[in-house]
Amino acid sequence: MPVRPIRLYGDPVLRAPSAPIETIDDGIRALVRDLLDTVAEPGRAGVAAPQIGVGLRAFSYNVDGEIGYVLNPVLVEVSGEAMPTGEGCLSVPGLWHDAVRHPHAKVVGVDLDGQEVVLEGDGLFAQALQHETDHLDGMVYLQRLTPEERRVAMREVRESDWF
């Protein structure tokens, strides 16, 4: 399957909460292949279905050499003191700002066989889990910035050549 183009900030699909996946069929299997192919590109830690134009609850990840996916993920646990952490987003290219994230996160969902998947980790993996589930809830990381940082980021978005 192809590497899918990434939707950019301002696209309505990035602002809408994603629908749960009701049935795992050939279309969902193709979506997972596309998510995995798209996240495998160098420098990518995660890709949520809305970022490739699909409003369904699914994301792929690529952290520390481990590539995978989860369907219908729910962020069930975060722990540790939330703190500003350097972050970027494929849908907001060229920007890097400190988003407020917890150092530990746990997501529960299912795989293509309907079996439970538990993803849990610290550091970059925790950050990716929080970032990707935010996408599925219609949120882009810019909304996790402090008010001052968000003003700077929004100015950068408006001045970018892609917006």
N, C-alpha and C. Protein backbone atom coordinates (compact mmCIF):
# COMPACT_ATOMS: atom_id res chain seq x y z
N MET A 1 0.84 -1.18 0.00
CA MET A 1 0.00 0.00 0.00
C MET A 1 0.89 1.24 0.00
N PRO A 2 0.33 2.34 -0.40
CA PRO A 2 1.15 3.55 -0.54
C PRO A 2 1.34 4.29 0.78
N VAL A 3 2.39 5.12 0.79
CA VAL A 3 2.55 6.10 1.85
C VAL A 3 1.55 7.19 1.53
N ARG A 4 0.66 7.46 2.46
CA ARG A 4 -0.42 8.43 2.22
C ARG A 4 0.05 9.85 2.55
N PRO A 5 -0.44 10.84 1.82
CA PRO A 5 -0.11 12.23 2.15
C PRO A 5 -0.71 12.62 3.50
N ILE A 6 -0.01 13.49 4.21
CA ILE A 6 -0.43 13.93 5.53
C ILE A 6 -1.30 15.19 5.40
N ARG A 7 -2.45 15.17 6.04
CA ARG A 7 -3.32 16.34 6.08
C ARG A 7 -2.71 17.38 7.00
N LEU A 8 -2.84 18.64 6.61
CA LEU A 8 -2.21 19.73 7.35
C LEU A 8 -3.21 20.48 8.22
N TYR A 9 -2.66 21.10 9.26
CA TYR A 9 -3.45 21.90 10.20
C TYR A 9 -4.36 22.83 9.41
N GLY A 10 -5.61 22.89 9.82
CA GLY A 10 -6.62 23.66 9.11
C GLY A 10 -7.59 22.75 8.38
N ASP A 11 -7.18 21.51 8.07
CA ASP A 11 -8.07 20.54 7.44
C ASP A 11 -9.12 20.11 8.46
N PRO A 12 -10.41 20.18 8.12
CA PRO A 12 -11.47 19.85 9.08
C PRO A 12 -11.37 18.44 9.67
N VAL A 13 -10.80 17.47 8.96
CA VAL A 13 -10.72 16.11 9.49
C VAL A 13 -9.86 16.06 10.75
N LEU A 14 -8.94 17.02 10.92
CA LEU A 14 -8.07 17.05 12.09
C LEU A 14 -8.77 17.62 13.32
N ARG A 15 -9.89 18.30 13.12
CA ARG A 15 -10.62 18.92 14.24
C ARG A 15 -11.79 18.08 14.73
N ALA A 16 -12.18 17.08 13.98
CA ALA A 16 -13.36 16.29 14.33
C ALA A 16 -12.98 15.04 15.11
N PRO A 17 -13.72 14.72 16.17
CA PRO A 17 -13.46 13.45 16.86
C PRO A 17 -13.68 12.29 15.90
N SER A 18 -12.82 11.29 15.99
CA SER A 18 -12.89 10.13 15.10
C SER A 18 -13.94 9.13 15.58
N ALA A 19 -14.56 8.48 14.63
CA ALA A 19 -15.58 7.47 14.94
C ALA A 19 -14.92 6.14 15.30
N PRO A 20 -15.55 5.40 16.22
CA PRO A 20 -15.01 4.07 16.51
C PRO A 20 -15.14 3.15 15.30
N ILE A 21 -14.23 2.20 15.23
CA ILE A 21 -14.30 1.19 14.16
C ILE A 21 -15.28 0.12 14.62
N GLU A 22 -16.33 -0.06 13.85
CA GLU A 22 -17.40 -0.99 14.22
C GLU A 22 -17.10 -2.41 13.73
N THR A 23 -16.60 -2.51 12.50
CA THR A 23 -16.36 -3.81 11.87
C THR A 23 -14.96 -3.83 11.27
N ILE A 24 -14.24 -4.91 11.53
CA ILE A 24 -12.92 -5.06 10.95
C ILE A 24 -13.09 -5.82 9.64
N ASP A 25 -12.92 -5.09 8.54
CA ASP A 25 -13.13 -5.66 7.21
C ASP A 25 -11.92 -5.33 6.34
N ASP A 26 -12.04 -5.59 5.03
CA ASP A 26 -10.91 -5.33 4.12
C ASP A 26 -10.53 -3.85 4.10
N GLY A 27 -11.50 -2.96 4.26
CA GLY A 27 -11.21 -1.54 4.28
C GLY A 27 -10.36 -1.15 5.49
N ILE A 28 -10.66 -1.74 6.63
CA ILE A 28 -9.87 -1.46 7.84
C ILE A 28 -8.49 -2.09 7.72
N ARG A 29 -8.40 -3.27 7.15
CA ARG A 29 -7.09 -3.89 6.94
C ARG A 29 -6.23 -3.03 6.01
N ALA A 30 -6.84 -2.46 4.98
CA ALA A 30 -6.11 -1.57 4.07
C ALA A 30 -5.69 -0.30 4.79
N LEU A 31 -6.55 0.23 5.65
CA LEU A 31 -6.21 1.41 6.44
C LEU A 31 -4.98 1.14 7.30
N VAL A 32 -4.95 -0.02 7.97
CA VAL A 32 -3.81 -0.36 8.82
C VAL A 32 -2.54 -0.47 7.99
N ARG A 33 -2.61 -1.09 6.82
CA ARG A 33 -1.42 -1.18 5.95
C ARG A 33 -0.94 0.22 5.58
N ASP A 34 -1.86 1.10 5.23
CA ASP A 34 -1.49 2.47 4.88
C ASP A 34 -0.87 3.21 6.08
N LEU A 35 -1.45 3.03 7.26
CA LEU A 35 -0.90 3.68 8.46
C LEU A 35 0.51 3.17 8.74
N LEU A 36 0.72 1.87 8.60
CA LEU A 36 2.05 1.29 8.86
C LEU A 36 3.06 1.75 7.81
N ASP A 37 2.67 1.77 6.55
CA ASP A 37 3.58 2.25 5.50
C ASP A 37 3.91 3.73 5.69
N THR A 38 2.92 4.51 6.09
CA THR A 38 3.10 5.95 6.24
C THR A 38 3.98 6.28 7.44
N VAL A 39 3.82 5.54 8.55
CA VAL A 39 4.63 5.82 9.74
C VAL A 39 6.06 5.30 9.59
N ALA A 40 6.30 4.38 8.66
CA ALA A 40 7.63 3.80 8.49
C ALA A 40 8.62 4.78 7.85
N GLU A 41 8.12 5.89 7.30
CA GLU A 41 9.02 6.90 6.73
C GLU A 41 9.94 7.43 7.83
N PRO A 42 11.18 7.75 7.51
CA PRO A 42 12.13 8.24 8.52
C PRO A 42 11.61 9.48 9.25
N GLY A 43 11.88 9.52 10.55
CA GLY A 43 11.54 10.68 11.36
C GLY A 43 10.11 10.72 11.85
N ARG A 44 9.36 9.65 11.67
CA ARG A 44 7.96 9.64 12.08
C ARG A 44 7.76 8.74 13.30
N ALA A 45 7.16 9.30 14.36
CA ALA A 45 6.91 8.53 15.58
C ALA A 45 5.48 8.00 15.62
N GLY A 46 4.57 8.61 14.87
CA GLY A 46 3.19 8.16 14.89
C GLY A 46 2.39 8.83 13.78
N VAL A 47 1.34 8.12 13.34
CA VAL A 47 0.41 8.67 12.36
C VAL A 47 -0.99 8.20 12.76
N ALA A 48 -1.88 9.15 12.96
CA ALA A 48 -3.27 8.84 13.28
C ALA A 48 -4.09 8.86 11.99
N ALA A 49 -5.13 8.05 11.96
CA ALA A 49 -5.97 7.95 10.76
C ALA A 49 -6.44 9.31 10.24
N PRO A 50 -6.87 10.25 11.10
CA PRO A 50 -7.28 11.56 10.56
C PRO A 50 -6.16 12.27 9.80
N GLN A 51 -4.92 12.01 10.15
CA GLN A 51 -3.81 12.66 9.46
C GLN A 51 -3.68 12.19 8.02
N ILE A 52 -4.28 11.05 7.68
CA ILE A 52 -4.30 10.61 6.28
C ILE A 52 -5.73 10.70 5.72
N GLY A 53 -6.56 11.50 6.40
CA GLY A 53 -7.88 11.82 5.88
C GLY A 53 -8.99 10.86 6.25
N VAL A 54 -8.76 9.98 7.22
CA VAL A 54 -9.76 8.98 7.60
C VAL A 54 -10.21 9.25 9.04
N GLY A 55 -11.47 9.54 9.23
CA GLY A 55 -12.00 9.88 10.54
C GLY A 55 -12.38 8.68 11.38
N LEU A 56 -11.47 7.74 11.52
CA LEU A 56 -11.70 6.55 12.34
C LEU A 56 -10.63 6.45 13.43
N ARG A 57 -10.96 5.77 14.52
CA ARG A 57 -10.06 5.64 15.68
C ARG A 57 -9.02 4.56 15.42
N ALA A 58 -7.90 4.96 14.85
CA ALA A 58 -6.76 4.06 14.60
C ALA A 58 -5.51 4.91 14.48
N PHE A 59 -4.40 4.35 14.96
CA PHE A 59 -3.12 5.01 14.73
C PHE A 59 -2.01 3.98 14.65
N SER A 60 -0.91 4.41 14.03
CA SER A 60 0.30 3.60 13.97
C SER A 60 1.39 4.34 14.73
N TYR A 61 2.43 3.59 15.11
CA TYR A 61 3.54 4.21 15.83
C TYR A 61 4.85 3.60 15.35
N ASN A 62 5.92 4.36 15.55
CA ASN A 62 7.26 3.96 15.15
C ASN A 62 8.24 4.60 16.14
N VAL A 63 8.45 3.91 17.25
CA VAL A 63 9.27 4.46 18.33
C VAL A 63 10.34 3.43 18.71
N ASP A 64 11.57 3.89 18.72
CA ASP A 64 12.71 3.04 19.11
C ASP A 64 12.76 1.74 18.30
N GLY A 65 12.47 1.86 17.00
CA GLY A 65 12.54 0.70 16.11
C GLY A 65 11.34 -0.22 16.17
N GLU A 66 10.37 0.07 17.01
CA GLU A 66 9.16 -0.76 17.08
C GLU A 66 8.03 -0.07 16.33
N ILE A 67 7.52 -0.77 15.32
CA ILE A 67 6.42 -0.25 14.51
C ILE A 67 5.18 -1.09 14.80
N GLY A 68 4.06 -0.43 15.00
CA GLY A 68 2.82 -1.15 15.26
C GLY A 68 1.62 -0.25 15.06
N TYR A 69 0.46 -0.76 15.46
CA TYR A 69 -0.79 -0.03 15.27
C TYR A 69 -1.75 -0.44 16.38
N VAL A 70 -2.82 0.30 16.51
CA VAL A 70 -3.91 -0.05 17.43
C VAL A 70 -5.20 0.53 16.87
N LEU A 71 -6.27 -0.23 17.01
CA LEU A 71 -7.61 0.20 16.60
C LEU A 71 -8.42 0.54 17.85
N ASN A 72 -9.27 1.53 17.74
CA ASN A 72 -10.14 1.98 18.83
C ASN A 72 -9.36 2.21 20.14
N PRO A 73 -8.22 2.89 20.06
CA PRO A 73 -7.44 3.11 21.28
C PRO A 73 -8.13 4.08 22.23
N VAL A 74 -7.96 3.79 23.51
CA VAL A 74 -8.43 4.67 24.57
C VAL A 74 -7.25 4.92 25.50
N LEU A 75 -6.98 6.17 25.77
CA LEU A 75 -5.94 6.52 26.72
C LEU A 75 -6.52 6.29 28.11
N VAL A 76 -6.08 5.21 28.76
CA VAL A 76 -6.68 4.81 30.04
C VAL A 76 -5.88 5.27 31.25
N GLU A 77 -4.63 5.67 31.03
CA GLU A 77 -3.81 6.05 32.17
C GLU A 77 -2.68 6.97 31.72
N VAL A 78 -2.47 8.01 32.49
CA VAL A 78 -1.27 8.82 32.40
C VAL A 78 -0.77 9.00 33.82
N SER A 79 0.53 9.09 33.99
CA SER A 79 1.05 9.30 35.33
C SER A 79 2.35 10.08 35.26
N GLY A 80 2.74 10.55 36.43
CA GLY A 80 3.89 11.42 36.52
C GLY A 80 3.44 12.86 36.30
N GLU A 81 4.27 13.77 36.74
CA GLU A 81 3.92 15.18 36.62
C GLU A 81 3.97 15.63 35.16
N ALA A 82 2.86 16.18 34.69
CA ALA A 82 2.82 16.71 33.33
C ALA A 82 3.77 17.89 33.24
N MET A 83 4.54 17.90 32.15
CA MET A 83 5.51 18.99 31.98
C MET A 83 5.69 19.30 30.49
N PRO A 84 6.12 20.51 30.19
CA PRO A 84 6.38 20.86 28.79
C PRO A 84 7.47 19.96 28.21
N THR A 85 7.16 19.41 27.04
CA THR A 85 8.06 18.48 26.36
C THR A 85 8.14 18.86 24.90
N GLY A 86 9.33 18.95 24.35
CA GLY A 86 9.51 19.31 22.95
C GLY A 86 8.73 18.37 22.04
N GLU A 87 7.97 18.94 21.14
CA GLU A 87 7.10 18.13 20.28
C GLU A 87 6.88 18.81 18.94
N GLY A 88 6.70 17.99 17.93
CA GLY A 88 6.32 18.44 16.60
C GLY A 88 5.17 17.59 16.11
N CYS A 89 4.72 17.87 14.91
CA CYS A 89 3.59 17.13 14.34
C CYS A 89 3.69 17.17 12.82
N LEU A 90 3.47 16.03 12.20
CA LEU A 90 3.49 15.97 10.73
C LEU A 90 2.44 16.88 10.11
N SER A 91 1.35 17.13 10.82
CA SER A 91 0.28 17.98 10.31
C SER A 91 0.55 19.47 10.53
N VAL A 92 1.63 19.77 11.24
CA VAL A 92 2.04 21.15 11.48
C VAL A 92 3.54 21.21 11.16
N PRO A 93 3.91 21.03 9.90
CA PRO A 93 5.32 20.88 9.55
C PRO A 93 6.17 22.11 9.86
N GLY A 94 7.38 21.81 10.32
CA GLY A 94 8.35 22.85 10.55
C GLY A 94 8.28 23.50 11.92
N LEU A 95 7.28 23.17 12.72
CA LEU A 95 7.15 23.77 14.04
C LEU A 95 7.61 22.77 15.10
N TRP A 96 8.17 23.27 16.16
CA TRP A 96 8.61 22.46 17.30
C TRP A 96 8.38 23.30 18.54
N HIS A 97 7.51 22.83 19.43
CA HIS A 97 7.17 23.58 20.64
C HIS A 97 7.02 22.63 21.81
N ASP A 98 6.98 23.19 23.01
CA ASP A 98 6.83 22.40 24.23
C ASP A 98 5.35 22.19 24.54
N ALA A 99 4.87 20.96 24.30
CA ALA A 99 3.51 20.57 24.67
C ALA A 99 3.54 19.97 26.07
N VAL A 100 2.48 20.17 26.82
CA VAL A 100 2.41 19.62 28.17
C VAL A 100 1.99 18.15 28.07
N ARG A 101 2.87 17.26 28.53
CA ARG A 101 2.64 15.81 28.46
C ARG A 101 3.07 15.14 29.76
N HIS A 102 2.44 14.01 30.04
CA HIS A 102 2.84 13.17 31.18
C HIS A 102 3.97 12.24 30.73
N PRO A 103 4.87 11.87 31.64
CA PRO A 103 6.00 11.02 31.26
C PRO A 103 5.64 9.54 31.10
N HIS A 104 4.42 9.13 31.50
CA HIS A 104 4.00 7.74 31.36
C HIS A 104 2.57 7.72 30.82
N ALA A 105 2.29 6.79 29.92
CA ALA A 105 0.94 6.66 29.36
C ALA A 105 0.63 5.21 29.04
N LYS A 106 -0.67 4.91 29.05
CA LYS A 106 -1.15 3.57 28.72
C LYS A 106 -2.40 3.70 27.85
N VAL A 107 -2.39 2.97 26.73
CA VAL A 107 -3.51 2.94 25.79
C VAL A 107 -3.98 1.49 25.66
N VAL A 108 -5.30 1.32 25.59
CA VAL A 108 -5.88 0.00 25.37
C VAL A 108 -6.76 0.08 24.12
N GLY A 109 -6.62 -0.91 23.25
CA GLY A 109 -7.44 -0.99 22.04
C GLY A 109 -7.48 -2.43 21.58
N VAL A 110 -7.64 -2.61 20.26
CA VAL A 110 -7.68 -3.95 19.69
C VAL A 110 -6.83 -4.00 18.43
N ASP A 111 -6.53 -5.24 17.99
CA ASP A 111 -5.80 -5.44 16.74
C ASP A 111 -6.79 -5.89 15.66
N LEU A 112 -6.27 -6.26 14.50
CA LEU A 112 -7.13 -6.65 13.38
C LEU A 112 -7.92 -7.93 13.64
N ASP A 113 -7.50 -8.71 14.63
CA ASP A 113 -8.23 -9.92 14.99
C ASP A 113 -9.22 -9.68 16.12
N GLY A 114 -9.35 -8.43 16.55
CA GLY A 114 -10.26 -8.10 17.64
C GLY A 114 -9.69 -8.42 19.01
N GLN A 115 -8.42 -8.77 19.07
CA GLN A 115 -7.77 -9.09 20.34
C GLN A 115 -7.30 -7.81 21.02
N GLU A 116 -7.37 -7.80 22.35
CA GLU A 116 -6.96 -6.62 23.10
C GLU A 116 -5.48 -6.32 22.91
N VAL A 117 -5.18 -5.05 22.75
CA VAL A 117 -3.81 -4.55 22.65
C VAL A 117 -3.62 -3.55 23.77
N VAL A 118 -2.55 -3.72 24.54
CA VAL A 118 -2.19 -2.77 25.58
C VAL A 118 -0.83 -2.19 25.22
N LEU A 119 -0.78 -0.88 25.05
CA LEU A 119 0.46 -0.17 24.76
C LEU A 119 0.75 0.72 25.96
N GLU A 120 1.93 0.56 26.53
CA GLU A 120 2.27 1.32 27.72
C GLU A 120 3.75 1.67 27.66
N GLY A 121 4.06 2.90 28.05
CA GLY A 121 5.46 3.26 28.03
C GLY A 121 5.74 4.61 28.63
N ASP A 122 7.03 4.92 28.63
CA ASP A 122 7.53 6.16 29.19
C ASP A 122 8.21 6.98 28.10
N GLY A 123 8.49 8.23 28.42
CA GLY A 123 9.27 9.07 27.52
C GLY A 123 8.61 9.29 26.18
N LEU A 124 9.39 9.07 25.12
CA LEU A 124 8.90 9.32 23.76
C LEU A 124 7.68 8.47 23.43
N PHE A 125 7.65 7.21 23.88
CA PHE A 125 6.50 6.37 23.58
C PHE A 125 5.25 6.90 24.28
N ALA A 126 5.39 7.32 25.54
CA ALA A 126 4.25 7.91 26.26
C ALA A 126 3.77 9.17 25.55
N GLN A 127 4.71 9.97 25.09
CA GLN A 127 4.37 11.19 24.37
C GLN A 127 3.62 10.86 23.08
N ALA A 128 4.09 9.86 22.34
CA ALA A 128 3.42 9.46 21.09
C ALA A 128 2.01 8.95 21.36
N LEU A 129 1.84 8.15 22.41
CA LEU A 129 0.50 7.64 22.73
C LEU A 129 -0.47 8.78 23.03
N GLN A 130 -0.01 9.76 23.78
CA GLN A 130 -0.86 10.91 24.10
C GLN A 130 -1.13 11.75 22.85
N HIS A 131 -0.11 11.97 22.05
CA HIS A 131 -0.22 12.78 20.83
C HIS A 131 -1.22 12.15 19.85
N GLU A 132 -1.08 10.85 19.62
CA GLU A 132 -1.94 10.19 18.63
C GLU A 132 -3.38 10.07 19.13
N THR A 133 -3.59 9.79 20.41
CA THR A 133 -4.98 9.74 20.89
C THR A 133 -5.61 11.12 20.86
N ASP A 134 -4.80 12.17 21.08
CA ASP A 134 -5.33 13.52 20.91
C ASP A 134 -5.86 13.71 19.49
N HIS A 135 -5.09 13.27 18.49
CA HIS A 135 -5.57 13.39 17.10
C HIS A 135 -6.93 12.73 16.94
N LEU A 136 -7.13 11.58 17.55
CA LEU A 136 -8.39 10.85 17.41
C LEU A 136 -9.54 11.57 18.10
N ASP A 137 -9.21 12.45 19.04
CA ASP A 137 -10.22 13.25 19.73
C ASP A 137 -10.40 14.61 19.08
N GLY A 138 -9.78 14.82 17.91
CA GLY A 138 -9.92 16.09 17.19
C GLY A 138 -9.02 17.20 17.71
N MET A 139 -7.92 16.82 18.34
CA MET A 139 -7.02 17.81 18.93
C MET A 139 -5.63 17.70 18.30
N VAL A 140 -5.05 18.85 18.00
CA VAL A 140 -3.68 18.93 17.51
C VAL A 140 -2.82 19.45 18.66
N TYR A 141 -1.56 19.05 18.68
CA TYR A 141 -0.70 19.37 19.83
C TYR A 141 -0.63 20.84 20.17
N LEU A 142 -0.93 21.71 19.23
CA LEU A 142 -0.90 23.15 19.49
C LEU A 142 -1.85 23.50 20.64
N GLN A 143 -2.89 22.73 20.81
CA GLN A 143 -3.85 22.98 21.89
C GLN A 143 -3.28 22.59 23.26
N ARG A 144 -2.16 21.90 23.29
CA ARG A 144 -1.51 21.50 24.55
C ARG A 144 -0.40 22.47 24.96
N LEU A 145 -0.23 23.53 24.20
CA LEU A 145 0.81 24.50 24.51
C LEU A 145 0.32 25.49 25.56
N THR A 146 1.27 26.10 26.28
CA THR A 146 0.89 27.18 27.19
C THR A 146 0.32 28.32 26.33
N PRO A 147 -0.49 29.19 26.91
CA PRO A 147 -1.05 30.30 26.11
C PRO A 147 0.01 31.13 25.39
N GLU A 148 1.12 31.40 26.07
CA GLU A 148 2.17 32.21 25.44
C GLU A 148 2.79 31.46 24.26
N GLU A 149 3.10 30.18 24.49
CA GLU A 149 3.72 29.36 23.44
C GLU A 149 2.76 29.19 22.26
N ARG A 150 1.47 29.07 22.56
CA ARG A 150 0.48 28.89 21.49
C ARG A 150 0.39 30.14 20.61
N ARG A 151 0.47 31.32 21.21
CA ARG A 151 0.45 32.55 20.41
C ARG A 151 1.62 32.56 19.42
N VAL A 152 2.79 32.19 19.90
CA VAL A 152 3.98 32.13 19.04
C VAL A 152 3.76 31.10 17.93
N ALA A 153 3.28 29.91 18.29
CA ALA A 153 3.08 28.84 17.32
C ALA A 153 2.05 29.23 16.26
N MET A 154 0.96 29.86 16.68
CA MET A 154 -0.07 30.23 15.72
C MET A 154 0.45 31.30 14.75
N ARG A 155 1.29 32.19 15.23
CA ARG A 155 1.91 33.17 14.32
C ARG A 155 2.78 32.43 13.30
N GLU A 156 3.55 31.44 13.77
CA GLU A 156 4.39 30.66 12.86
C GLU A 156 3.54 29.91 11.83
N VAL A 157 2.40 29.37 12.26
CA VAL A 157 1.50 28.68 11.32
C VAL A 157 1.03 29.66 10.26
N ARG A 158 0.54 30.81 10.69
CA ARG A 158 0.01 31.81 9.73
C ARG A 158 1.08 32.28 8.75
N GLU A 159 2.32 32.32 9.20
CA GLU A 159 3.42 32.79 8.34
C GLU A 159 4.06 31.68 7.52
N SER A 160 3.64 30.44 7.74
CA SER A 160 4.24 29.31 7.02
C SER A 160 3.82 29.30 5.57
N ASP A 161 4.60 28.63 4.73
CA ASP A 161 4.27 28.56 3.30
C ASP A 161 3.24 27.48 3.00
N TRP A 162 2.91 26.62 3.96
CA TRP A 162 1.95 25.54 3.73
C TRP A 162 0.55 25.85 4.20
N PHE A 163 0.39 26.91 5.02
CA PHE A 163 -0.95 27.20 5.60
C PHE A 163 -1.77 28.03 4.65
